[in-house]
Every structure is written in structure tokens, then in C-alpha cells.
Amino acid sequence: MAAERAAALQGLTAIFVVVLKEIDGLPRMLARVGVILSERADILSHSIEELGEMALPVLVVTVLLQLARSTAAAPAALTLPPCDARA
């Protein structure tokens, strides 16, 4: 279960990075095709991008903790209980 959560968080973090990259370049990409954002929209896109950059380290640490938890739990799940030689 922890491995599945770690994989899901990795995927979400990757998607988050791509979305942030697109938001970062949005005014430039739109300017190439002749669309100029209003000052308010430009400030909003910049604010979203900066907030996302601040949240990114939290997501990365969460992924690393989930990976550590999944690798620590995996060997314990594979160990066999001690057998009683007298039986």
C-alpha cells in the first residue's frame, strides 16, 4: 500500500512540475501568438507559479518519505514467522 502511495505521489509531483513549467512560460508563449495577458492575469499566473515552487520541496520530501516507508515495510512483509522445531 505504501509503495502504491509513493508511486501515486511521484506521478502527481511530475504532473505538478510540468504544470508549473507551463504556467511559468504562459505569458511568453501567449505573447508569441499575439495574446497579451492583462496585468491582473500576469500577476495571478506569476503568483500561482511561485506558490507551486514553494510547495514543490514539500511534495518531494513526501515522496521520499513514502518511498522510505515502502522499502522499509517490504522486507518485513516477506519474512516468515519463526517455526517451532518441536512440532
C-alpha atoms as a PDB file:
ATOM      1  CA  MET A   1       0.000   0.000   0.000  1.00  0.00           C
ATOM      2  CA  ALA A   2       2.823   2.423   0.844  1.00  0.00           C
ATOM      3  CA  ALA A   3       4.545   1.621  -2.460  1.00  0.00           C
ATOM      4  CA  GLU A   4       1.348   2.456  -4.326  1.00  0.00           C
ATOM      5  CA  ARG A   5       1.056   5.760  -2.471  1.00  0.00           C
ATOM      6  CA  ALA A   6       4.687   6.546  -3.236  1.00  0.00           C
ATOM      7  CA  ALA A   7       4.128   5.834  -6.935  1.00  0.00           C
ATOM      8  CA  ALA A   8       0.996   7.980  -6.944  1.00  0.00           C
ATOM      9  CA  LEU A   9       2.842  10.841  -5.265  1.00  0.00           C
ATOM     10  CA  GLN A  10       5.681  10.531  -7.776  1.00  0.00           C
ATOM     11  CA  GLY A  11       3.190  10.819 -10.610  1.00  0.00           C
ATOM     12  CA  LEU A  12       1.423  13.776  -9.051  1.00  0.00           C
ATOM     13  CA  THR A  13       4.734  15.517  -8.402  1.00  0.00           C
ATOM     14  CA  ALA A  14       5.780  15.016 -12.028  1.00  0.00           C
ATOM     15  CA  ILE A  15       2.459  16.399 -13.264  1.00  0.00           C
ATOM     16  CA  PHE A  16       2.773  19.297 -10.805  1.00  0.00           C
ATOM     17  CA  VAL A  17       6.244  20.155 -12.162  1.00  0.00           C
ATOM     18  CA  VAL A  18       5.021  20.099 -15.764  1.00  0.00           C
ATOM     19  CA  VAL A  19       2.026  22.306 -14.937  1.00  0.00           C
ATOM     20  CA  LEU A  20       4.269  24.768 -13.077  1.00  0.00           C
ATOM     21  CA  LYS A  21       6.659  24.890 -16.020  1.00  0.00           C
ATOM     22  CA  GLU A  22       3.773  25.630 -18.376  1.00  0.00           C
ATOM     23  CA  ILE A  23       2.376  28.336 -16.089  1.00  0.00           C
ATOM     24  CA  ASP A  24       5.845  29.873 -15.840  1.00  0.00           C
ATOM     25  CA  GLY A  25       6.131  30.179 -19.611  1.00  0.00           C
ATOM     26  CA  LEU A  26       2.486  31.029 -20.281  1.00  0.00           C
ATOM     27  CA  PRO A  27       2.903  34.802 -20.798  1.00  0.00           C
ATOM     28  CA  ARG A  28       5.836  34.251 -23.201  1.00  0.00           C
ATOM     29  CA  MET A  29       4.016  31.540 -25.168  1.00  0.00           C
ATOM     30  CA  LEU A  30       0.895  33.657 -25.481  1.00  0.00           C
ATOM     31  CA  ALA A  31       2.918  36.730 -26.478  1.00  0.00           C
ATOM     32  CA  ARG A  32       4.371  34.778 -29.431  1.00  0.00           C
ATOM     33  CA  VAL A  33       0.889  34.336 -30.864  1.00  0.00           C
ATOM     34  CA  GLY A  34      -0.116  37.926 -30.133  1.00  0.00           C
ATOM     35  CA  VAL A  35      -2.098  37.427 -26.930  1.00  0.00           C
ATOM     36  CA  ILE A  36      -1.093  39.792 -24.160  1.00  0.00           C
ATOM     37  CA  LEU A  37      -2.282  38.985 -20.654  1.00  0.00           C
ATOM     38  CA  SER A  38      -3.741  41.714 -18.529  1.00  0.00           C
ATOM     39  CA  GLU A  39      -1.691  42.871 -15.591  1.00  0.00           C
ATOM     40  CA  ARG A  40      -4.020  41.062 -13.211  1.00  0.00           C
ATOM     41  CA  ALA A  41      -3.774  37.768 -15.143  1.00  0.00           C
ATOM     42  CA  ASP A  42       0.012  38.113 -15.321  1.00  0.00           C
ATOM     43  CA  ILE A  43       0.236  38.665 -11.559  1.00  0.00           C
ATOM     44  CA  LEU A  44      -2.085  35.719 -10.959  1.00  0.00           C
ATOM     45  CA  SER A  45      -0.054  33.339 -13.135  1.00  0.00           C
ATOM     46  CA  HIS A  46       3.173  34.504 -11.507  1.00  0.00           C
ATOM     47  CA  SER A  47       1.682  34.049  -8.025  1.00  0.00           C
ATOM     48  CA  ILE A  48       0.451  30.531  -8.824  1.00  0.00           C
ATOM     49  CA  GLU A  49       3.867  29.606 -10.191  1.00  0.00           C
ATOM     50  CA  GLU A  50       5.699  30.947  -7.133  1.00  0.00           C
ATOM     51  CA  LEU A  51       3.331  29.202  -4.703  1.00  0.00           C
ATOM     52  CA  GLY A  52       3.845  25.979  -6.616  1.00  0.00           C
ATOM     53  CA  GLU A  53       7.609  26.350  -6.398  1.00  0.00           C
ATOM     54  CA  MET A  54       7.279  26.766  -2.641  1.00  0.00           C
ATOM     55  CA  ALA A  55       5.125  23.619  -2.399  1.00  0.00           C
ATOM     56  CA  LEU A  56       7.441  21.525  -4.562  1.00  0.00           C
ATOM     57  CA  PRO A  57      10.006  20.735  -1.823  1.00  0.00           C
ATOM     58  CA  VAL A  58       7.173  19.560   0.436  1.00  0.00           C
ATOM     59  CA  LEU A  59       5.973  17.200  -2.289  1.00  0.00           C
ATOM     60  CA  VAL A  60       9.482  15.873  -2.898  1.00  0.00           C
ATOM     61  CA  VAL A  61      10.039  15.214   0.821  1.00  0.00           C
ATOM     62  CA  THR A  62       6.658  13.484   0.998  1.00  0.00           C
ATOM     63  CA  VAL A  63       7.600  11.231  -1.937  1.00  0.00           C
ATOM     64  CA  LEU A  64      10.938  10.389  -0.319  1.00  0.00           C
ATOM     65  CA  LEU A  65       9.271   9.547   2.988  1.00  0.00           C
ATOM     66  CA  GLN A  66       6.712   7.338   1.242  1.00  0.00           C
ATOM     67  CA  LEU A  67       9.492   5.557  -0.654  1.00  0.00           C
ATOM     68  CA  ALA A  68      11.422   5.011   2.563  1.00  0.00           C
ATOM     69  CA  ARG A  69       8.317   3.663   4.235  1.00  0.00           C
ATOM     70  CA  SER A  70       7.542   1.312   1.340  1.00  0.00           C
ATOM     71  CA  THR A  71      11.086  -0.080   1.181  1.00  0.00           C
ATOM     72  CA  ALA A  72      11.232  -0.478   4.950  1.00  0.00           C
ATOM     73  CA  ALA A  73       7.877  -2.292   5.020  1.00  0.00           C
ATOM     74  CA  ALA A  74       8.593  -4.596   2.070  1.00  0.00           C
ATOM     75  CA  PRO A  75      11.239  -6.843   3.694  1.00  0.00           C
ATOM     76  CA  ALA A  76       9.124  -7.244   6.835  1.00  0.00           C
ATOM     77  CA  ALA A  77       6.218  -8.449   4.756  1.00  0.00           C
ATOM     78  CA  LEU A  78       8.379 -11.121   3.116  1.00  0.00           C
ATOM     79  CA  THR A  79       9.857 -12.620   6.274  1.00  0.00           C
ATOM     80  CA  LEU A  80       8.415 -15.864   7.519  1.00  0.00           C
ATOM     81  CA  PRO A  81       7.321 -16.327  11.119  1.00  0.00           C
ATOM     82  CA  PRO A  82       9.666 -18.459  13.227  1.00  0.00           C
ATOM     83  CA  CYS A  83       8.867 -22.136  13.034  1.00  0.00           C
ATOM     84  CA  ASP A  84       8.629 -24.381  16.066  1.00  0.00           C
ATOM     85  CA  ALA A  85      11.072 -27.272  15.608  1.00  0.00           C
ATOM     86  CA  ARG A  86       9.238 -29.354  18.246  1.00  0.00           C
ATOM     87  CA  ALA A  87       6.041 -29.618  16.191  1.00  0.00           C
END
